[in-house]
Amino acid sequence: MSGRKGADVDPARSLALLWGAHGKPGRSGLTIRSIVVAAIELADAEGLEAVSMRQVAERLGAGTMSLYTHVPGKAELVDLMVDTAYGRLYDDVDAPSSRPGGWREALEFVAARNWELYRRHPWLLHVVGGRSVLGPNASLKYEAELRPLDGIGLSDLEMDAVLALILTHVEGAARVQANMAQVQRDSGMTDAEWWVINAPLLDKVMDGSRFPVASRVGQAAGQEYQALADPERAFAFGLERILDGVAVLIARRGA
């Protein structure tokens, strides 16, 4: 996941910025680290769309132009924000692989940490770009999350694919949850309150003879969730099915 990339972004300069020293203050007294922390705090509070060089400068009590001496623009700033957020994911690169339950518990741990990451920083779900941030923390994250898959019978490409499958599942469930939370904030109505009002109306207009399966299953799910969906339950259920499939793949490789 990365910031917006354009023709005006110099890849070499962006990588140098990501891998450089972030604690060295400039003439203004600002550091890259302080700028990134302020930007993350702003995004956590108001969303990624609220982050601009001017808004971050105001938060720091500095002039906007002073930020540009440290960070060329918002695209690079977002990359730094993402990489910094990743750096808070694990205390140690061996944290996942040192779990006592083997590869399966390790991947459950990886999925749970990424789920929590999106809960803390939902703005990560709105970062635009199809290319990963190539910073030090993103690289450590990739290393930490691959280690539990190493040496269990999978090829390198299968290891990468398994990890991508898990992380994509986590992101999808987290996106649904974030969207539902946004709808609640915008409407001032909880999912349970919405369901109490709308479920009886849906029963009246949805013809059970025309939609027999959808009607039966939708009613059962709605009564259980008291909402249209339960992203956390979907996250847990899907993760178990994915790991079951990985176990089958490992068993085949062993055979």
Protein backbone atom coordinates (compact mmCIF):
# COMPACT_ATOMS: atom_id res chain seq x y z
CA MET A 1 0.00 0.00 0.00
CA SER A 2 1.46 3.34 -0.89
CA GLY A 3 0.87 7.02 -1.32
CA ARG A 4 -0.22 8.58 -4.62
CA LYS A 5 2.53 8.30 -7.18
CA GLY A 6 2.90 10.67 -10.07
CA ALA A 7 5.40 11.68 -12.69
CA ASP A 8 6.71 14.40 -10.37
CA VAL A 9 7.77 11.89 -7.72
CA ASP A 10 11.44 10.91 -7.89
CA PRO A 11 11.71 7.20 -6.88
CA ALA A 12 15.33 7.54 -5.81
CA ARG A 13 14.57 10.56 -3.64
CA SER A 14 11.49 8.84 -2.19
CA LEU A 15 13.53 5.76 -1.21
CA ALA A 16 16.29 7.93 0.25
CA LEU A 17 13.66 9.74 2.31
CA LEU A 18 12.11 6.50 3.57
CA TRP A 19 15.45 4.98 4.54
CA GLY A 20 17.10 8.15 5.83
CA ALA A 21 17.49 9.51 9.36
CA HIS A 22 14.20 10.96 10.58
CA GLY A 23 15.28 12.40 13.91
CA LYS A 24 17.72 15.05 12.68
CA PRO A 25 16.23 18.54 13.11
CA GLY A 26 16.46 21.20 10.43
CA ARG A 27 16.93 24.93 10.91
CA SER A 28 13.26 25.25 11.83
CA GLY A 29 13.67 22.70 14.60
CA LEU A 30 11.36 20.28 12.81
CA THR A 31 12.26 16.67 12.12
CA ILE A 32 10.79 14.26 9.59
CA ARG A 33 9.64 12.13 12.50
CA SER A 34 7.71 14.97 14.13
CA ILE A 35 6.07 15.85 10.80
CA VAL A 36 5.01 12.25 10.19
CA VAL A 37 3.70 11.80 13.73
CA ALA A 38 1.61 14.97 13.40
CA ALA A 39 0.27 13.79 10.05
CA ILE A 40 -0.71 10.39 11.51
CA GLU A 41 -2.45 12.06 14.45
CA LEU A 42 -4.37 14.27 12.02
CA ALA A 43 -5.35 11.30 9.84
CA ASP A 44 -6.44 9.28 12.87
CA ALA A 45 -8.65 12.13 14.03
CA GLU A 46 -10.06 13.46 10.76
CA GLY A 47 -9.21 11.00 7.98
CA LEU A 48 -6.60 10.98 5.25
CA GLU A 49 -8.40 13.65 3.22
CA ALA A 50 -7.73 16.11 6.05
CA VAL A 51 -3.98 15.66 5.72
CA SER A 52 -2.27 18.42 3.78
CA MET A 53 1.08 20.09 4.17
CA ARG A 54 -0.69 23.22 5.40
CA GLN A 55 -2.80 21.37 7.99
CA VAL A 56 0.19 19.46 9.30
CA ALA A 57 2.21 22.67 9.53
CA GLU A 58 -0.59 24.34 11.50
CA ARG A 59 -0.68 21.36 13.86
CA LEU A 60 3.05 21.78 14.45
CA GLY A 61 2.85 25.56 14.74
CA ALA A 62 5.20 25.94 11.81
CA GLY A 63 5.16 27.53 8.40
CA THR A 64 4.03 25.36 5.52
CA MET A 65 7.18 26.02 3.50
CA SER A 66 9.35 24.75 6.34
CA LEU A 67 7.79 21.30 5.89
CA TYR A 68 8.87 21.18 2.25
CA THR A 69 12.52 21.38 3.29
CA HIS A 70 12.00 17.95 4.91
CA VAL A 71 9.28 16.29 2.80
CA PRO A 72 8.73 17.14 -0.90
CA GLY A 73 4.95 16.71 -0.86
CA LYS A 74 1.91 14.79 0.30
CA ALA A 75 2.65 11.66 -1.73
CA GLU A 76 5.98 11.21 0.03
CA LEU A 77 4.41 12.16 3.36
CA VAL A 78 1.77 9.46 3.01
CA ASP A 79 4.46 6.89 2.21
CA LEU A 80 6.28 7.92 5.39
CA MET A 81 3.02 7.68 7.36
CA VAL A 82 2.34 4.16 6.10
CA ASP A 83 5.88 2.99 6.81
CA THR A 84 5.78 4.51 10.29
CA ALA A 85 2.46 2.82 11.06
CA TYR A 86 3.95 -0.50 9.97
CA GLY A 87 6.85 0.05 12.35
CA ARG A 88 4.45 -0.16 15.30
CA LEU A 89 3.08 -3.55 14.26
CA TYR A 90 5.58 -5.94 15.87
CA ASP A 91 7.98 -5.53 18.77
CA ASP A 92 10.45 -7.85 17.07
CA VAL A 93 10.92 -9.31 13.59
CA ASP A 94 10.56 -12.80 15.12
CA ALA A 95 7.36 -11.96 17.01
CA PRO A 96 5.10 -13.94 14.64
CA SER A 97 7.44 -16.91 14.06
CA SER A 98 8.16 -17.32 17.79
CA ARG A 99 4.51 -18.08 18.59
CA PRO A 100 4.28 -21.47 20.32
CA GLY A 101 1.58 -22.97 18.07
CA GLY A 102 3.60 -23.23 14.87
CA TRP A 103 2.85 -21.64 11.52
CA ARG A 104 -0.93 -21.59 12.00
CA GLU A 105 -0.90 -19.68 15.28
CA ALA A 106 1.76 -17.40 13.84
CA LEU A 107 -0.45 -16.48 10.87
CA GLU A 108 -3.44 -15.98 13.18
CA PHE A 109 -1.23 -13.56 15.10
CA VAL A 110 -0.23 -11.79 11.88
CA ALA A 111 -3.87 -11.45 10.81
CA ALA A 112 -4.92 -10.17 14.25
CA ARG A 113 -2.16 -7.55 14.31
CA ASN A 114 -3.07 -6.28 10.85
CA TRP A 115 -6.76 -6.21 11.85
CA GLU A 116 -5.86 -4.12 14.88
CA LEU A 117 -3.68 -1.88 12.72
CA TYR A 118 -6.67 -0.99 10.52
CA ARG A 119 -8.78 -0.42 13.63
CA ARG A 120 -6.21 2.06 14.97
CA HIS A 121 -5.52 3.71 11.63
CA PRO A 122 -8.55 3.31 9.32
CA TRP A 123 -7.06 5.91 6.99
CA LEU A 124 -4.69 3.17 5.79
CA LEU A 125 -7.69 1.73 3.92
CA HIS A 126 -7.95 4.94 1.90
CA VAL A 127 -4.34 5.18 0.78
CA VAL A 128 -4.40 5.11 -3.02
CA GLY A 129 -1.88 3.08 -4.94
CA GLY A 130 -1.16 -0.41 -6.18
CA ARG A 131 2.53 -0.47 -5.24
CA SER A 132 3.85 -1.22 -1.79
CA VAL A 133 5.84 1.27 0.22
CA LEU A 134 9.47 0.13 0.04
CA GLY A 135 10.54 1.54 3.37
CA PRO A 136 12.46 -0.14 6.20
CA ASN A 137 9.41 -0.86 8.33
CA ALA A 138 7.44 -2.25 5.41
CA SER A 139 10.39 -4.50 4.62
CA LEU A 140 10.63 -5.67 8.25
CA LYS A 141 6.88 -6.31 8.24
CA TYR A 142 7.21 -8.48 5.13
CA GLU A 143 10.17 -10.34 6.64
CA ALA A 144 8.37 -10.92 9.95
CA GLU A 145 5.20 -12.17 8.28
CA LEU A 146 7.01 -14.51 5.88
CA ARG A 147 9.21 -16.21 8.47
CA PRO A 148 6.43 -18.47 9.86
CA LEU A 149 5.94 -19.83 6.32
CA ASP A 150 9.61 -20.57 5.73
CA GLY A 151 10.71 -24.20 5.86
CA ILE A 152 7.25 -25.80 6.02
CA GLY A 153 7.23 -27.15 2.49
CA LEU A 154 6.01 -24.19 0.45
CA SER A 155 7.85 -22.62 -2.44
CA ASP A 156 8.88 -18.97 -2.24
CA LEU A 157 6.05 -17.97 -4.57
CA GLU A 158 3.55 -19.96 -2.51
CA MET A 159 4.78 -18.27 0.65
CA ASP A 160 4.23 -14.85 -0.92
CA ALA A 161 0.79 -15.90 -2.23
CA VAL A 162 -0.35 -17.26 1.13
CA LEU A 163 0.66 -14.08 2.91
CA ALA A 164 -1.03 -11.93 0.24
CA LEU A 165 -4.22 -14.00 0.56
CA ILE A 166 -4.34 -13.49 4.33
CA LEU A 167 -3.57 -9.77 4.20
CA THR A 168 -6.09 -9.18 1.42
CA HIS A 169 -8.77 -10.95 3.47
CA VAL A 170 -7.95 -8.84 6.53
CA GLU A 171 -8.05 -5.64 4.50
CA GLY A 172 -11.41 -6.53 2.92
CA ALA A 173 -13.08 -7.29 6.26
CA ALA A 174 -11.55 -4.18 7.84
CA ARG A 175 -12.82 -2.06 4.97
CA VAL A 176 -16.39 -3.28 5.50
CA GLN A 177 -16.12 -2.57 9.21
CA ALA A 178 -14.73 0.92 8.60
CA ASN A 179 -17.50 1.69 6.12
CA MET A 180 -20.15 0.51 8.58
CA ALA A 181 -18.62 2.65 11.32
CA GLN A 182 -18.65 5.67 8.99
CA VAL A 183 -22.32 5.09 8.15
CA GLN A 184 -23.12 4.94 11.86
CA ARG A 185 -21.35 8.24 12.47
CA ASP A 186 -23.04 9.90 9.50
CA SER A 187 -26.53 8.62 10.33
CA GLY A 188 -26.33 8.82 14.10
CA MET A 189 -27.90 5.37 14.19
CA THR A 190 -26.33 2.09 15.28
CA ASP A 191 -26.58 -1.01 13.08
CA ALA A 192 -28.94 -2.59 15.63
CA GLU A 193 -31.21 0.46 15.58
CA TRP A 194 -31.17 0.49 11.76
CA TRP A 195 -32.01 -3.22 11.67
CA VAL A 196 -34.95 -2.88 14.06
CA ILE A 197 -36.48 -0.26 11.78
CA ASN A 198 -35.69 -1.81 8.41
CA ALA A 199 -36.04 -5.57 9.02
CA PRO A 200 -39.87 -5.50 9.27
CA LEU A 201 -40.07 -3.31 6.15
CA LEU A 202 -37.84 -5.71 4.23
CA ASP A 203 -40.03 -8.65 5.27
CA LYS A 204 -43.02 -6.92 3.73
CA VAL A 205 -41.47 -6.17 0.35
CA MET A 206 -39.21 -9.21 -0.13
CA ASP A 207 -41.30 -12.02 -1.62
CA GLY A 208 -40.20 -15.29 0.02
CA SER A 209 -41.53 -17.35 -2.88
CA ARG A 210 -39.35 -15.42 -5.35
CA PHE A 211 -36.24 -15.28 -3.13
CA PRO A 212 -36.61 -18.40 -0.96
CA VAL A 213 -32.94 -18.96 -0.20
CA ALA A 214 -31.98 -15.28 0.10
CA SER A 215 -34.98 -14.63 2.33
CA ARG A 216 -34.24 -17.55 4.65
CA VAL A 217 -30.49 -16.99 4.91
CA GLY A 218 -30.77 -13.20 5.09
CA GLN A 219 -33.31 -13.41 7.89
CA ALA A 220 -31.18 -15.86 9.86
CA ALA A 221 -28.05 -13.72 9.43
CA GLY A 222 -29.87 -10.48 10.21
CA GLN A 223 -31.37 -11.88 13.39
CA GLU A 224 -27.98 -13.16 14.51
CA TYR A 225 -26.00 -10.03 13.61
CA GLN A 226 -28.73 -7.44 14.23
CA ALA A 227 -27.23 -5.79 11.18
CA LEU A 228 -26.66 -6.46 7.50
CA ALA A 229 -23.21 -7.89 8.23
CA ASP A 230 -20.75 -8.75 10.97
CA PRO A 231 -17.27 -7.94 9.61
CA GLU A 232 -15.43 -9.23 12.66
CA ARG A 233 -17.18 -12.59 12.44
CA ALA A 234 -16.54 -12.70 8.69
CA PHE A 235 -12.87 -11.94 9.36
CA ALA A 236 -12.54 -14.81 11.84
CA PHE A 237 -14.52 -17.29 9.73
CA GLY A 238 -12.65 -16.49 6.52
CA LEU A 239 -9.26 -16.66 8.22
CA GLU A 240 -9.99 -20.15 9.53
CA ARG A 241 -11.02 -21.34 6.07
CA ILE A 242 -7.90 -19.84 4.50
CA LEU A 243 -5.64 -21.52 7.05
CA ASP A 244 -7.47 -24.83 6.55
CA GLY A 245 -6.65 -24.53 2.85
CA VAL A 246 -3.00 -23.73 3.59
CA ALA A 247 -2.82 -26.82 5.80
CA VAL A 248 -4.09 -28.94 2.90
CA LEU A 249 -1.48 -27.40 0.59
CA ILE A 250 1.32 -28.12 3.08
CA ALA A 251 0.09 -31.70 3.50
CA ARG A 252 0.15 -32.19 -0.28
CA ARG A 253 3.68 -30.86 -0.47
CA GLY A 254 4.71 -33.26 2.30
CA ALA A 255 3.09 -36.19 0.52
